[in-house]
N, C-alpha and C. Protein backbone atom coordinates (compact mmCIF):
# COMPACT_ATOMS: atom_id res chain seq x y z
N MET A 1 184.55 -42.61 22.14
CA MET A 1 184.96 -43.68 23.05
C MET A 1 183.98 -43.78 24.19
N VAL A 2 183.62 -44.95 24.60
CA VAL A 2 182.65 -45.14 25.67
C VAL A 2 183.34 -45.73 26.87
N CYS A 3 183.14 -45.16 28.03
CA CYS A 3 183.68 -45.68 29.28
C CYS A 3 182.54 -46.33 30.04
N SER A 4 182.47 -47.65 30.05
CA SER A 4 181.31 -48.34 30.59
C SER A 4 181.23 -48.24 32.10
N ARG A 5 182.37 -48.03 32.79
CA ARG A 5 182.33 -47.99 34.24
C ARG A 5 181.45 -46.87 34.75
N ARG A 6 181.46 -45.77 34.09
CA ARG A 6 180.65 -44.63 34.53
C ARG A 6 179.59 -44.26 33.51
N ASN A 7 179.47 -45.06 32.49
CA ASN A 7 178.51 -44.78 31.42
C ASN A 7 178.75 -43.39 30.82
N LEU A 8 180.06 -43.13 30.59
CA LEU A 8 180.42 -41.84 30.03
C LEU A 8 180.59 -41.96 28.53
N LEU A 9 180.19 -40.94 27.80
CA LEU A 9 180.47 -40.83 26.38
C LEU A 9 181.51 -39.73 26.23
N ILE A 10 182.68 -40.10 25.75
CA ILE A 10 183.78 -39.16 25.72
C ILE A 10 183.90 -38.54 24.34
N GLY A 11 184.03 -37.24 24.28
CA GLY A 11 184.23 -36.55 23.02
C GLY A 11 185.28 -35.48 23.18
N ALA A 12 185.66 -34.86 22.11
CA ALA A 12 186.67 -33.82 22.16
C ALA A 12 186.00 -32.46 22.15
N GLY A 13 186.64 -31.50 22.83
CA GLY A 13 186.13 -30.15 22.82
C GLY A 13 185.08 -29.94 23.89
N ALA A 14 184.46 -28.76 23.87
CA ALA A 14 183.44 -28.44 24.86
C ALA A 14 182.47 -27.44 24.30
N ILE A 15 181.23 -27.88 24.10
CA ILE A 15 180.18 -26.98 23.65
C ILE A 15 179.10 -26.98 24.72
N ILE A 16 178.83 -25.83 25.32
CA ILE A 16 177.84 -25.79 26.38
C ILE A 16 176.48 -25.40 25.81
N PHE A 17 176.41 -24.34 25.04
CA PHE A 17 175.13 -23.89 24.50
C PHE A 17 175.39 -22.81 23.48
N THR A 18 174.61 -22.78 22.44
CA THR A 18 174.70 -21.68 21.50
C THR A 18 173.30 -21.14 21.26
N THR A 19 173.25 -20.00 20.66
CA THR A 19 171.95 -19.41 20.33
C THR A 19 171.78 -19.39 18.83
N GLY A 20 172.20 -20.47 18.20
CA GLY A 20 172.21 -20.54 16.75
C GLY A 20 170.88 -20.94 16.16
N VAL A 21 170.96 -21.60 14.99
CA VAL A 21 169.77 -21.87 14.19
C VAL A 21 168.77 -22.73 14.92
N SER A 22 169.26 -23.78 15.66
CA SER A 22 168.31 -24.70 16.28
C SER A 22 167.42 -24.01 17.30
N LYS A 23 167.99 -23.11 18.07
CA LYS A 23 167.19 -22.41 19.07
C LYS A 23 166.21 -21.46 18.39
N ILE A 24 166.67 -20.78 17.36
CA ILE A 24 165.80 -19.84 16.66
C ILE A 24 164.64 -20.57 16.00
N ALA A 25 164.94 -21.72 15.40
CA ALA A 25 163.90 -22.47 14.72
C ALA A 25 162.84 -22.94 15.70
N LEU A 26 163.28 -23.40 16.88
CA LEU A 26 162.33 -23.85 17.88
C LEU A 26 161.48 -22.69 18.38
N ALA A 27 162.12 -21.53 18.53
CA ALA A 27 161.39 -20.38 19.04
C ALA A 27 160.32 -19.90 18.07
N LYS A 28 160.51 -20.16 16.77
CA LYS A 28 159.56 -19.69 15.78
C LYS A 28 158.39 -20.64 15.60
N LYS A 29 158.55 -21.89 16.03
CA LYS A 29 157.51 -22.88 15.81
C LYS A 29 156.93 -23.35 17.14
N SER A 30 155.62 -23.54 17.16
CA SER A 30 155.00 -24.13 18.34
C SER A 30 155.26 -25.62 18.33
N LEU A 31 154.99 -26.28 19.44
CA LEU A 31 155.20 -27.72 19.54
C LEU A 31 154.37 -28.43 18.49
N VAL A 32 153.15 -27.96 18.26
CA VAL A 32 152.29 -28.59 17.26
C VAL A 32 152.87 -28.42 15.87
N ALA A 33 153.37 -27.23 15.57
CA ALA A 33 153.89 -26.95 14.23
C ALA A 33 155.13 -27.77 13.92
N THR A 34 155.95 -28.07 14.91
CA THR A 34 157.17 -28.82 14.66
C THR A 34 156.88 -30.26 14.25
N GLN A 35 155.67 -30.74 14.49
CA GLN A 35 155.34 -32.11 14.10
C GLN A 35 155.33 -32.27 12.59
N GLU A 36 155.25 -31.17 11.86
CA GLU A 36 155.33 -31.24 10.41
C GLU A 36 156.68 -31.76 9.96
N ASP A 37 157.68 -31.62 10.81
CA ASP A 37 159.03 -32.07 10.47
C ASP A 37 159.27 -33.51 10.88
N GLY A 38 158.27 -34.18 11.47
CA GLY A 38 158.43 -35.56 11.90
C GLY A 38 158.42 -35.69 13.41
N ASP A 39 158.35 -36.92 13.89
CA ASP A 39 158.31 -37.18 15.33
C ASP A 39 159.62 -36.78 15.99
N LYS A 40 159.51 -36.35 17.25
CA LYS A 40 160.66 -35.87 18.02
C LYS A 40 160.98 -36.84 19.16
N ARG A 41 162.20 -36.73 19.67
CA ARG A 41 162.59 -37.35 20.94
C ARG A 41 163.29 -36.25 21.73
N TYR A 42 162.47 -35.44 22.40
CA TYR A 42 163.05 -34.32 23.12
C TYR A 42 163.83 -34.80 24.34
N GLY A 43 164.99 -34.21 24.51
CA GLY A 43 165.84 -34.53 25.65
C GLY A 43 166.53 -33.27 26.15
N MET A 44 167.34 -33.43 27.17
CA MET A 44 168.02 -32.28 27.78
C MET A 44 169.40 -32.69 28.26
N VAL A 45 170.32 -31.74 28.21
CA VAL A 45 171.65 -31.89 28.81
C VAL A 45 171.79 -30.87 29.93
N PHE A 46 172.21 -31.35 31.10
CA PHE A 46 172.50 -30.48 32.24
C PHE A 46 174.01 -30.48 32.43
N ASP A 47 174.61 -29.30 32.30
CA ASP A 47 176.07 -29.16 32.42
C ASP A 47 176.43 -28.85 33.87
N GLU A 48 176.93 -29.86 34.56
CA GLU A 48 177.30 -29.68 35.97
C GLU A 48 178.43 -28.68 36.13
N THR A 49 179.27 -28.55 35.11
CA THR A 49 180.40 -27.64 35.21
C THR A 49 179.99 -26.18 35.06
N ALA A 50 178.79 -25.94 34.52
CA ALA A 50 178.32 -24.57 34.31
C ALA A 50 177.33 -24.11 35.37
N CYS A 51 176.65 -25.05 36.02
CA CYS A 51 175.63 -24.69 37.02
C CYS A 51 176.27 -24.04 38.24
N ILE A 52 175.68 -22.93 38.69
CA ILE A 52 176.19 -22.21 39.86
C ILE A 52 175.24 -22.32 41.05
N GLY A 53 174.17 -23.10 40.89
CA GLY A 53 173.25 -23.32 42.00
C GLY A 53 172.37 -22.15 42.34
N CYS A 54 172.11 -21.27 41.38
CA CYS A 54 171.34 -20.05 41.67
C CYS A 54 169.85 -20.33 41.83
N THR A 55 169.38 -21.46 41.31
CA THR A 55 167.97 -21.91 41.34
C THR A 55 167.03 -21.01 40.54
N ALA A 56 167.57 -20.24 39.61
CA ALA A 56 166.69 -19.47 38.71
C ALA A 56 165.79 -20.43 37.93
N CYS A 57 166.29 -21.60 37.61
CA CYS A 57 165.51 -22.58 36.85
C CYS A 57 164.31 -23.07 37.64
N THR A 58 164.50 -23.34 38.91
CA THR A 58 163.38 -23.83 39.73
C THR A 58 162.32 -22.75 39.92
N ASP A 59 162.76 -21.51 40.07
CA ASP A 59 161.81 -20.40 40.22
C ASP A 59 161.00 -20.21 38.93
N ALA A 60 161.69 -20.28 37.78
CA ALA A 60 161.00 -20.10 36.50
C ALA A 60 160.02 -21.23 36.25
N CYS A 61 160.42 -22.44 36.58
CA CYS A 61 159.53 -23.60 36.42
C CYS A 61 158.26 -23.42 37.24
N ARG A 62 158.43 -23.00 38.46
CA ARG A 62 157.27 -22.83 39.36
C ARG A 62 156.32 -21.76 38.83
N GLU A 63 156.88 -20.66 38.36
CA GLU A 63 156.05 -19.55 37.88
C GLU A 63 155.32 -19.90 36.59
N VAL A 64 156.06 -20.45 35.62
CA VAL A 64 155.47 -20.73 34.31
C VAL A 64 154.42 -21.83 34.37
N ASN A 65 154.67 -22.84 35.20
CA ASN A 65 153.78 -23.99 35.25
C ASN A 65 152.84 -23.99 36.45
N ASN A 66 152.81 -22.88 37.20
CA ASN A 66 151.90 -22.73 38.35
C ASN A 66 152.03 -23.89 39.33
N VAL A 67 153.26 -24.21 39.69
CA VAL A 67 153.53 -25.29 40.64
C VAL A 67 153.38 -24.73 42.06
N PRO A 68 152.50 -25.32 42.88
CA PRO A 68 152.28 -24.79 44.23
C PRO A 68 153.49 -24.95 45.13
N GLU A 69 153.56 -24.14 46.16
CA GLU A 69 154.60 -24.29 47.17
C GLU A 69 154.44 -25.64 47.86
N GLY A 70 155.55 -26.19 48.26
CA GLY A 70 155.54 -27.47 48.96
C GLY A 70 155.85 -28.65 48.07
N VAL A 71 155.73 -28.47 46.76
CA VAL A 71 156.09 -29.50 45.78
C VAL A 71 156.93 -28.84 44.69
N SER A 72 157.63 -29.65 43.89
CA SER A 72 158.50 -29.08 42.87
C SER A 72 158.69 -30.06 41.72
N ARG A 73 158.67 -29.53 40.51
CA ARG A 73 158.97 -30.34 39.34
C ARG A 73 160.47 -30.44 39.09
N LEU A 74 161.22 -29.57 39.71
CA LEU A 74 162.65 -29.48 39.46
C LEU A 74 163.36 -29.04 40.73
N LYS A 75 164.45 -29.73 41.05
CA LYS A 75 165.27 -29.36 42.20
C LYS A 75 166.74 -29.31 41.78
N ILE A 76 167.48 -28.41 42.42
CA ILE A 76 168.93 -28.37 42.26
C ILE A 76 169.55 -28.70 43.61
N GLU A 77 170.29 -29.80 43.66
CA GLU A 77 170.91 -30.24 44.90
C GLU A 77 172.37 -29.80 44.95
N ARG A 78 172.76 -29.27 46.09
CA ARG A 78 174.15 -28.85 46.27
C ARG A 78 174.90 -29.91 47.06
N SER A 79 176.12 -30.19 46.65
CA SER A 79 176.93 -31.19 47.34
C SER A 79 177.42 -30.67 48.68
N ALA A 80 178.02 -31.54 49.46
CA ALA A 80 178.72 -31.12 50.67
C ALA A 80 179.93 -30.29 50.25
N PRO A 81 180.38 -29.39 51.10
CA PRO A 81 181.54 -28.57 50.74
C PRO A 81 182.78 -29.42 50.51
N MET A 82 183.55 -29.04 49.50
CA MET A 82 184.79 -29.73 49.19
C MET A 82 185.95 -28.76 49.38
N GLY A 83 186.94 -29.17 50.14
CA GLY A 83 188.06 -28.30 50.44
C GLY A 83 187.90 -27.62 51.78
N GLU A 84 188.82 -26.73 52.08
CA GLU A 84 188.81 -26.01 53.34
C GLU A 84 188.78 -24.51 53.08
N TYR A 85 188.10 -23.81 53.98
CA TYR A 85 187.97 -22.36 53.87
C TYR A 85 189.35 -21.72 53.78
N PRO A 86 189.58 -20.77 52.89
CA PRO A 86 188.58 -20.13 52.01
C PRO A 86 188.44 -20.82 50.64
N ASP A 87 189.14 -21.90 50.43
CA ASP A 87 189.10 -22.59 49.13
C ASP A 87 188.07 -23.71 49.17
N VAL A 88 186.80 -23.32 49.25
CA VAL A 88 185.71 -24.29 49.31
C VAL A 88 184.97 -24.30 47.97
N ASP A 89 184.61 -25.50 47.53
CA ASP A 89 183.91 -25.62 46.25
C ASP A 89 182.72 -26.55 46.42
N TYR A 90 181.77 -26.47 45.48
CA TYR A 90 180.58 -27.30 45.50
C TYR A 90 180.29 -27.81 44.10
N THR A 91 179.53 -28.88 44.02
CA THR A 91 178.96 -29.31 42.74
C THR A 91 177.44 -29.28 42.88
N PHE A 92 176.77 -29.22 41.74
CA PHE A 92 175.31 -29.12 41.74
C PHE A 92 174.71 -30.19 40.83
N ASN A 93 173.58 -30.72 41.24
CA ASN A 93 172.93 -31.81 40.52
C ASN A 93 171.47 -31.47 40.25
N ARG A 94 171.02 -31.72 39.03
CA ARG A 94 169.61 -31.49 38.68
C ARG A 94 168.81 -32.75 38.99
N VAL A 95 167.69 -32.56 39.68
CA VAL A 95 166.78 -33.66 40.00
C VAL A 95 165.43 -33.35 39.37
N SER A 96 165.06 -34.11 38.35
CA SER A 96 163.79 -33.91 37.64
C SER A 96 163.48 -35.15 36.84
N CYS A 97 162.33 -35.16 36.19
CA CYS A 97 161.96 -36.30 35.35
C CYS A 97 163.02 -36.52 34.28
N GLN A 98 163.36 -37.79 34.04
CA GLN A 98 164.38 -38.15 33.06
C GLN A 98 163.78 -38.41 31.67
N HIS A 99 162.47 -38.42 31.58
CA HIS A 99 161.76 -38.67 30.32
C HIS A 99 162.28 -39.94 29.64
N CYS A 100 162.17 -41.03 30.38
CA CYS A 100 162.71 -42.31 29.95
C CYS A 100 161.96 -42.86 28.73
N ASP A 101 162.70 -43.44 27.80
CA ASP A 101 162.07 -44.14 26.69
C ASP A 101 161.36 -45.40 27.18
N ASN A 102 161.93 -46.02 28.22
CA ASN A 102 161.35 -47.22 28.82
C ASN A 102 160.97 -46.89 30.26
N ALA A 103 159.91 -46.10 30.41
CA ALA A 103 159.57 -45.50 31.70
C ALA A 103 158.80 -46.47 32.61
N PRO A 104 159.34 -46.81 33.78
CA PRO A 104 158.63 -47.68 34.72
C PRO A 104 157.29 -47.12 35.16
N CYS A 105 157.19 -45.79 35.27
CA CYS A 105 155.95 -45.16 35.70
C CYS A 105 154.82 -45.45 34.72
N VAL A 106 155.17 -45.58 33.44
CA VAL A 106 154.17 -45.89 32.41
C VAL A 106 153.75 -47.35 32.49
N THR A 107 154.72 -48.21 32.71
CA THR A 107 154.46 -49.65 32.76
C THR A 107 153.50 -50.03 33.88
N VAL A 108 153.65 -49.40 35.04
CA VAL A 108 152.84 -49.81 36.21
C VAL A 108 151.49 -49.12 36.28
N CYS A 109 151.27 -48.07 35.50
CA CYS A 109 150.01 -47.32 35.60
C CYS A 109 148.84 -48.17 35.14
N PRO A 110 147.84 -48.39 36.01
CA PRO A 110 146.73 -49.28 35.65
C PRO A 110 145.68 -48.65 34.74
N THR A 111 145.72 -47.34 34.59
CA THR A 111 144.67 -46.66 33.80
C THR A 111 145.18 -46.03 32.51
N GLY A 112 146.48 -46.06 32.28
CA GLY A 112 147.03 -45.40 31.11
C GLY A 112 147.21 -43.91 31.29
N ALA A 113 147.12 -43.44 32.53
CA ALA A 113 147.30 -42.02 32.79
C ALA A 113 148.74 -41.58 32.51
N SER A 114 149.69 -42.40 32.91
CA SER A 114 151.09 -42.13 32.63
C SER A 114 151.42 -42.69 31.26
N TYR A 115 152.04 -41.88 30.42
CA TYR A 115 152.31 -42.32 29.06
C TYR A 115 153.51 -41.59 28.48
N VAL A 116 154.09 -42.19 27.43
CA VAL A 116 155.13 -41.54 26.64
C VAL A 116 154.48 -41.04 25.36
N ASP A 117 154.51 -39.75 25.14
CA ASP A 117 153.94 -39.18 23.94
C ASP A 117 154.82 -39.55 22.74
N LEU A 118 154.28 -40.30 21.81
CA LEU A 118 155.06 -40.82 20.69
C LEU A 118 155.50 -39.74 19.72
N LYS A 119 154.84 -38.59 19.74
CA LYS A 119 155.19 -37.50 18.83
C LYS A 119 156.37 -36.67 19.34
N THR A 120 156.61 -36.71 20.66
CA THR A 120 157.64 -35.87 21.24
C THR A 120 158.63 -36.63 22.12
N GLY A 121 158.28 -37.83 22.55
CA GLY A 121 159.12 -38.57 23.48
C GLY A 121 158.99 -38.08 24.92
N ILE A 122 158.09 -37.13 25.16
CA ILE A 122 157.90 -36.59 26.51
C ILE A 122 157.03 -37.54 27.33
N VAL A 123 157.46 -37.83 28.54
CA VAL A 123 156.66 -38.61 29.47
C VAL A 123 155.70 -37.65 30.17
N ASP A 124 154.41 -37.96 30.13
CA ASP A 124 153.43 -37.02 30.66
C ASP A 124 152.31 -37.78 31.38
N VAL A 125 151.33 -37.04 31.87
CA VAL A 125 150.23 -37.61 32.64
C VAL A 125 148.90 -37.10 32.10
N HIS A 126 147.98 -38.03 31.77
CA HIS A 126 146.60 -37.65 31.48
C HIS A 126 145.90 -37.44 32.83
N SER A 127 145.71 -36.20 33.21
CA SER A 127 145.16 -35.93 34.55
C SER A 127 143.76 -36.49 34.72
N ASP A 128 143.00 -36.58 33.63
CA ASP A 128 141.63 -37.08 33.74
C ASP A 128 141.59 -38.60 33.91
N LYS A 129 142.70 -39.28 33.67
CA LYS A 129 142.75 -40.73 33.84
C LYS A 129 143.41 -41.16 35.15
N CYS A 130 144.07 -40.23 35.82
CA CYS A 130 144.78 -40.57 37.06
C CYS A 130 143.80 -40.79 38.20
N VAL A 131 143.94 -41.92 38.90
CA VAL A 131 143.06 -42.24 40.03
C VAL A 131 143.78 -42.09 41.36
N GLY A 132 145.02 -41.62 41.32
CA GLY A 132 145.74 -41.36 42.56
C GLY A 132 146.21 -42.59 43.29
N CYS A 133 146.46 -43.67 42.56
CA CYS A 133 146.88 -44.92 43.22
C CYS A 133 148.31 -44.84 43.74
N GLY A 134 149.14 -43.99 43.13
CA GLY A 134 150.51 -43.81 43.58
C GLY A 134 151.50 -44.83 43.06
N TYR A 135 151.06 -45.73 42.17
CA TYR A 135 151.97 -46.74 41.64
C TYR A 135 153.16 -46.09 40.91
N CYS A 136 152.86 -45.04 40.14
CA CYS A 136 153.92 -44.40 39.36
C CYS A 136 154.95 -43.73 40.26
N LEU A 137 154.48 -43.13 41.37
CA LEU A 137 155.41 -42.50 42.30
C LEU A 137 156.35 -43.53 42.90
N ALA A 138 155.82 -44.71 43.21
CA ALA A 138 156.63 -45.75 43.81
C ALA A 138 157.58 -46.38 42.80
N ALA A 139 157.15 -46.48 41.53
CA ALA A 139 157.94 -47.17 40.52
C ALA A 139 159.08 -46.33 39.96
N CYS A 140 158.96 -45.01 40.03
CA CYS A 140 159.99 -44.14 39.45
C CYS A 140 161.30 -44.29 40.21
N PRO A 141 162.35 -44.78 39.56
CA PRO A 141 163.63 -44.97 40.26
C PRO A 141 164.33 -43.66 40.59
N TYR A 142 163.86 -42.56 40.01
CA TYR A 142 164.47 -41.25 40.26
C TYR A 142 163.71 -40.45 41.31
N GLN A 143 162.54 -40.96 41.71
CA GLN A 143 161.72 -40.34 42.76
C GLN A 143 161.49 -38.85 42.49
N VAL A 144 160.93 -38.57 41.33
CA VAL A 144 160.71 -37.17 40.93
C VAL A 144 159.23 -36.85 40.72
N ARG A 145 158.35 -37.80 41.02
CA ARG A 145 156.91 -37.55 40.88
C ARG A 145 156.31 -37.17 42.23
N PHE A 146 155.16 -36.49 42.17
CA PHE A 146 154.46 -36.09 43.38
C PHE A 146 152.98 -35.96 43.07
N PHE A 147 152.17 -35.94 44.11
CA PHE A 147 150.76 -35.65 43.93
C PHE A 147 150.54 -34.15 44.03
N HIS A 148 149.92 -33.59 43.02
CA HIS A 148 149.62 -32.16 43.02
C HIS A 148 148.62 -31.89 44.14
N PRO A 149 148.96 -30.97 45.04
CA PRO A 149 148.09 -30.75 46.21
C PRO A 149 146.72 -30.18 45.88
N GLU A 150 146.55 -29.61 44.70
CA GLU A 150 145.25 -29.05 44.33
C GLU A 150 144.44 -29.99 43.45
N THR A 151 145.08 -30.59 42.46
CA THR A 151 144.36 -31.48 41.55
C THR A 151 144.30 -32.92 42.05
N LYS A 152 145.21 -33.27 42.98
CA LYS A 152 145.27 -34.61 43.58
C LYS A 152 145.68 -35.69 42.58
N VAL A 153 146.33 -35.30 41.48
CA VAL A 153 146.80 -36.28 40.51
C VAL A 153 148.33 -36.22 40.44
N ALA A 154 148.91 -37.27 39.86
CA ALA A 154 150.37 -37.33 39.72
C ALA A 154 150.86 -36.19 38.83
N ASP A 155 152.00 -35.62 39.21
CA ASP A 155 152.54 -34.49 38.48
C ASP A 155 154.06 -34.61 38.45
N LYS A 156 154.68 -33.88 37.51
CA LYS A 156 156.13 -33.89 37.36
C LYS A 156 156.51 -32.97 36.21
N CYS A 157 157.79 -32.84 35.95
CA CYS A 157 158.28 -32.09 34.79
C CYS A 157 157.78 -32.72 33.50
N ASN A 158 157.27 -31.89 32.59
CA ASN A 158 156.93 -32.36 31.24
C ASN A 158 157.55 -31.46 30.17
N PHE A 159 158.74 -30.91 30.50
CA PHE A 159 159.46 -30.01 29.60
C PHE A 159 158.60 -28.82 29.19
N CYS A 160 157.70 -28.37 30.08
CA CYS A 160 156.83 -27.22 29.81
C CYS A 160 155.99 -27.45 28.55
N ARG A 161 155.57 -28.68 28.36
CA ARG A 161 154.83 -29.04 27.14
C ARG A 161 153.55 -28.23 26.97
N ASP A 162 152.86 -27.95 28.07
CA ASP A 162 151.58 -27.24 28.01
C ASP A 162 151.73 -25.73 28.08
N THR A 163 152.93 -25.26 28.33
CA THR A 163 153.14 -23.82 28.51
C THR A 163 154.14 -23.29 27.48
N ASN A 164 155.42 -23.32 27.81
CA ASN A 164 156.41 -22.73 26.92
C ASN A 164 156.52 -23.42 25.56
N LEU A 165 156.58 -24.76 25.57
CA LEU A 165 156.70 -25.46 24.29
C LEU A 165 155.51 -25.18 23.39
N LYS A 166 154.33 -25.17 23.98
CA LYS A 166 153.11 -24.90 23.22
C LYS A 166 153.15 -23.51 22.60
N ALA A 167 153.84 -22.59 23.28
CA ALA A 167 153.96 -21.21 22.79
C ALA A 167 155.17 -21.02 21.89
N GLY A 168 155.86 -22.12 21.56
CA GLY A 168 157.02 -22.01 20.68
C GLY A 168 158.29 -21.57 21.37
N LYS A 169 158.33 -21.70 22.70
CA LYS A 169 159.50 -21.30 23.47
C LYS A 169 160.24 -22.53 23.97
N LEU A 170 161.44 -22.30 24.49
CA LEU A 170 162.18 -23.35 25.17
C LEU A 170 161.60 -23.55 26.57
N PRO A 171 161.86 -24.70 27.21
CA PRO A 171 161.41 -24.88 28.58
C PRO A 171 161.88 -23.73 29.48
N ALA A 172 161.07 -23.42 30.49
CA ALA A 172 161.34 -22.26 31.34
C ALA A 172 162.72 -22.34 32.00
N CYS A 173 163.12 -23.53 32.40
CA CYS A 173 164.42 -23.68 33.05
C CYS A 173 165.56 -23.31 32.10
N VAL A 174 165.41 -23.69 30.83
CA VAL A 174 166.44 -23.39 29.83
C VAL A 174 166.51 -21.89 29.58
N GLU A 175 165.35 -21.27 29.42
CA GLU A 175 165.32 -19.83 29.14
C GLU A 175 165.90 -19.00 30.28
N SER A 176 165.72 -19.46 31.51
CA SER A 176 166.09 -18.65 32.67
C SER A 176 167.52 -18.85 33.14
N CYS A 177 168.19 -19.88 32.69
CA CYS A 177 169.53 -20.20 33.21
C CYS A 177 170.54 -19.13 32.79
N PRO A 178 171.18 -18.46 33.75
CA PRO A 178 172.11 -17.37 33.40
C PRO A 178 173.45 -17.86 32.86
N THR A 179 173.79 -19.13 33.10
CA THR A 179 175.08 -19.65 32.66
C THR A 179 174.96 -20.61 31.48
N LYS A 180 173.74 -20.74 30.94
CA LYS A 180 173.49 -21.63 29.80
C LYS A 180 173.92 -23.07 30.12
N ALA A 181 173.57 -23.52 31.31
CA ALA A 181 173.92 -24.88 31.73
C ALA A 181 172.98 -25.94 31.19
N LEU A 182 171.92 -25.52 30.51
CA LEU A 182 170.92 -26.45 30.00
C LEU A 182 170.81 -26.34 28.48
N THR A 183 170.78 -27.50 27.83
CA THR A 183 170.56 -27.57 26.38
C THR A 183 169.39 -28.50 26.13
N PHE A 184 168.41 -28.03 25.36
CA PHE A 184 167.20 -28.79 25.07
C PHE A 184 167.09 -28.97 23.56
N GLY A 185 166.63 -30.15 23.14
CA GLY A 185 166.46 -30.34 21.71
C GLY A 185 166.01 -31.74 21.35
N ASP A 186 166.05 -32.00 20.04
CA ASP A 186 165.54 -33.24 19.48
C ASP A 186 166.68 -34.24 19.29
N LEU A 187 166.63 -35.33 20.04
CA LEU A 187 167.66 -36.36 19.94
C LEU A 187 167.57 -37.14 18.62
N ASN A 188 166.43 -37.05 17.95
CA ASN A 188 166.28 -37.70 16.65
C ASN A 188 167.00 -36.96 15.52
N ASP A 189 167.33 -35.71 15.77
CA ASP A 189 167.96 -34.86 14.77
C ASP A 189 169.48 -34.87 14.98
N PRO A 190 170.23 -35.52 14.11
CA PRO A 190 171.69 -35.60 14.31
C PRO A 190 172.39 -34.25 14.25
N THR A 191 171.73 -33.24 13.69
CA THR A 191 172.35 -31.92 13.59
C THR A 191 171.92 -30.99 14.72
N SER A 192 171.09 -31.46 15.66
CA SER A 192 170.58 -30.61 16.73
C SER A 192 171.69 -30.23 17.69
N GLU A 193 171.49 -29.13 18.39
CA GLU A 193 172.48 -28.65 19.34
C GLU A 193 172.70 -29.65 20.48
N ILE A 194 171.63 -30.31 20.91
CA ILE A 194 171.79 -31.26 22.00
C ILE A 194 172.69 -32.42 21.60
N ASN A 195 172.58 -32.89 20.38
CA ASN A 195 173.46 -33.97 19.93
C ASN A 195 174.90 -33.50 19.77
N LYS A 196 175.09 -32.25 19.41
CA LYS A 196 176.45 -31.69 19.34
C LYS A 196 177.08 -31.65 20.74
N VAL A 197 176.29 -31.26 21.74
CA VAL A 197 176.80 -31.19 23.10
C VAL A 197 177.16 -32.58 23.62
N ILE A 198 176.29 -33.55 23.36
CA ILE A 198 176.52 -34.92 23.81
C ILE A 198 177.78 -35.49 23.16
N ALA A 199 177.97 -35.20 21.88
CA ALA A 199 179.12 -35.73 21.16
C ALA A 199 180.43 -35.07 21.55
N SER A 200 180.35 -33.87 22.12
CA SER A 200 181.55 -33.06 22.38
C SER A 200 181.94 -33.00 23.85
N ASN A 201 181.25 -33.73 24.70
CA ASN A 201 181.53 -33.68 26.13
C ASN A 201 181.49 -35.07 26.75
N ALA A 202 182.08 -35.18 27.92
CA ALA A 202 181.94 -36.40 28.71
C ALA A 202 180.59 -36.32 29.42
N VAL A 203 179.65 -37.16 29.01
CA VAL A 203 178.31 -37.12 29.59
C VAL A 203 177.94 -38.47 30.17
N TYR A 204 176.95 -38.45 31.06
CA TYR A 204 176.44 -39.69 31.64
C TYR A 204 174.95 -39.54 31.88
N ARG A 205 174.28 -40.67 32.07
CA ARG A 205 172.87 -40.69 32.42
C ARG A 205 172.70 -41.52 33.68
N SER A 206 171.73 -41.16 34.49
CA SER A 206 171.55 -41.82 35.79
C SER A 206 170.81 -43.15 35.66
N LYS A 207 171.32 -44.14 36.34
CA LYS A 207 170.67 -45.45 36.52
C LYS A 207 170.34 -46.13 35.19
N VAL A 208 171.23 -46.01 34.23
CA VAL A 208 170.99 -46.65 32.93
C VAL A 208 171.00 -48.17 33.05
N GLU A 209 171.62 -48.67 34.11
CA GLU A 209 171.66 -50.12 34.28
C GLU A 209 170.28 -50.72 34.52
N LEU A 210 169.30 -49.88 34.83
CA LEU A 210 167.92 -50.35 35.03
C LEU A 210 167.17 -50.50 33.71
N GLY A 211 167.77 -50.06 32.63
CA GLY A 211 167.13 -50.19 31.33
C GLY A 211 166.06 -49.15 31.04
N THR A 212 166.08 -48.04 31.78
CA THR A 212 165.06 -47.01 31.63
C THR A 212 165.27 -46.14 30.39
N GLU A 213 166.48 -46.09 29.87
CA GLU A 213 166.81 -45.25 28.71
C GLU A 213 166.40 -43.79 28.94
N PRO A 214 166.97 -43.15 29.98
CA PRO A 214 166.62 -41.75 30.26
C PRO A 214 167.13 -40.81 29.19
N LYS A 215 166.42 -39.70 29.01
CA LYS A 215 166.81 -38.70 28.02
C LYS A 215 167.33 -37.42 28.67
N LEU A 216 167.70 -37.50 29.94
CA LEU A 216 168.38 -36.39 30.61
C LEU A 216 169.85 -36.77 30.74
N TYR A 217 170.69 -36.07 30.00
CA TYR A 217 172.14 -36.29 30.03
C TYR A 217 172.78 -35.24 30.92
N LYS A 218 173.92 -35.59 31.49
CA LYS A 218 174.63 -34.65 32.36
C LYS A 218 176.10 -34.61 31.98
N VAL A 219 176.63 -33.39 31.84
CA VAL A 219 178.06 -33.21 31.64
C VAL A 219 178.72 -33.33 33.00
N ALA A 220 179.62 -34.28 33.13
CA ALA A 220 180.19 -34.60 34.44
C ALA A 220 181.10 -33.50 34.96
N ASP A 221 180.89 -33.14 36.23
CA ASP A 221 181.78 -32.23 36.93
C ASP A 221 182.81 -33.10 37.65
N THR A 222 184.02 -33.05 37.19
CA THR A 222 185.04 -33.97 37.72
C THR A 222 185.49 -33.62 39.13
N LYS A 223 185.00 -32.50 39.66
CA LYS A 223 185.41 -32.14 41.03
C LYS A 223 184.80 -33.06 42.07
N GLY A 224 183.64 -33.64 41.77
CA GLY A 224 182.93 -34.43 42.78
C GLY A 224 182.45 -35.76 42.25
N GLU A 225 181.75 -36.47 43.10
CA GLU A 225 181.21 -37.78 42.74
C GLU A 225 180.13 -37.66 41.67
N ILE A 226 180.15 -38.58 40.72
CA ILE A 226 179.11 -38.59 39.70
C ILE A 226 177.82 -39.09 40.32
N LYS A 227 176.75 -38.31 40.16
CA LYS A 227 175.46 -38.66 40.75
C LYS A 227 174.73 -39.63 39.85
N ARG A 228 174.51 -40.86 40.31
CA ARG A 228 173.84 -41.87 39.53
C ARG A 228 172.56 -42.26 40.21
């Protein structure tokens, strides 16, 4: 059942993450090797109900991808406190690239530096083509791009495409999460774990009304406002 008011996909049950066949298969194959199985549309689910705001994911992202201090490919935002002491609660929101199928950053780039990789569905940047015009930073409705202070080119999350994925691992944020709040996988594969999670939970995507077709899904935490 689809609830259009909040762009929720409603399913029965609750699957947060498993360490079954899909994860093992990905761990055994490098990103290049998986292309033998056909083109991918990699996406991610962030479970707001499981996130505890520990920021292990942001630390792992920074270390694995050598992200300098002062900028970040991934942020975890904490809500204002809800309730009164001692019964205070919070919700947490992931802020990162949505890896849109219809990415505005790609459309506005005058040099082709910003692109969607057709083999993986990952939105990435050709650093050698970036001229630093900043059009992509301005066009991104999620405001998750930045200029790398050392290379001076546009940068953002690319699902660890050049690091963990290339080594046959899951993205650093997924590997480091202690509560298994993140699920990564191929949206083209109907049997993938990510599709099982999407089908079995109330999920939403941010700013879908803009036609961006983001591939970052979120399991809604009903305690607080849905972040769109």
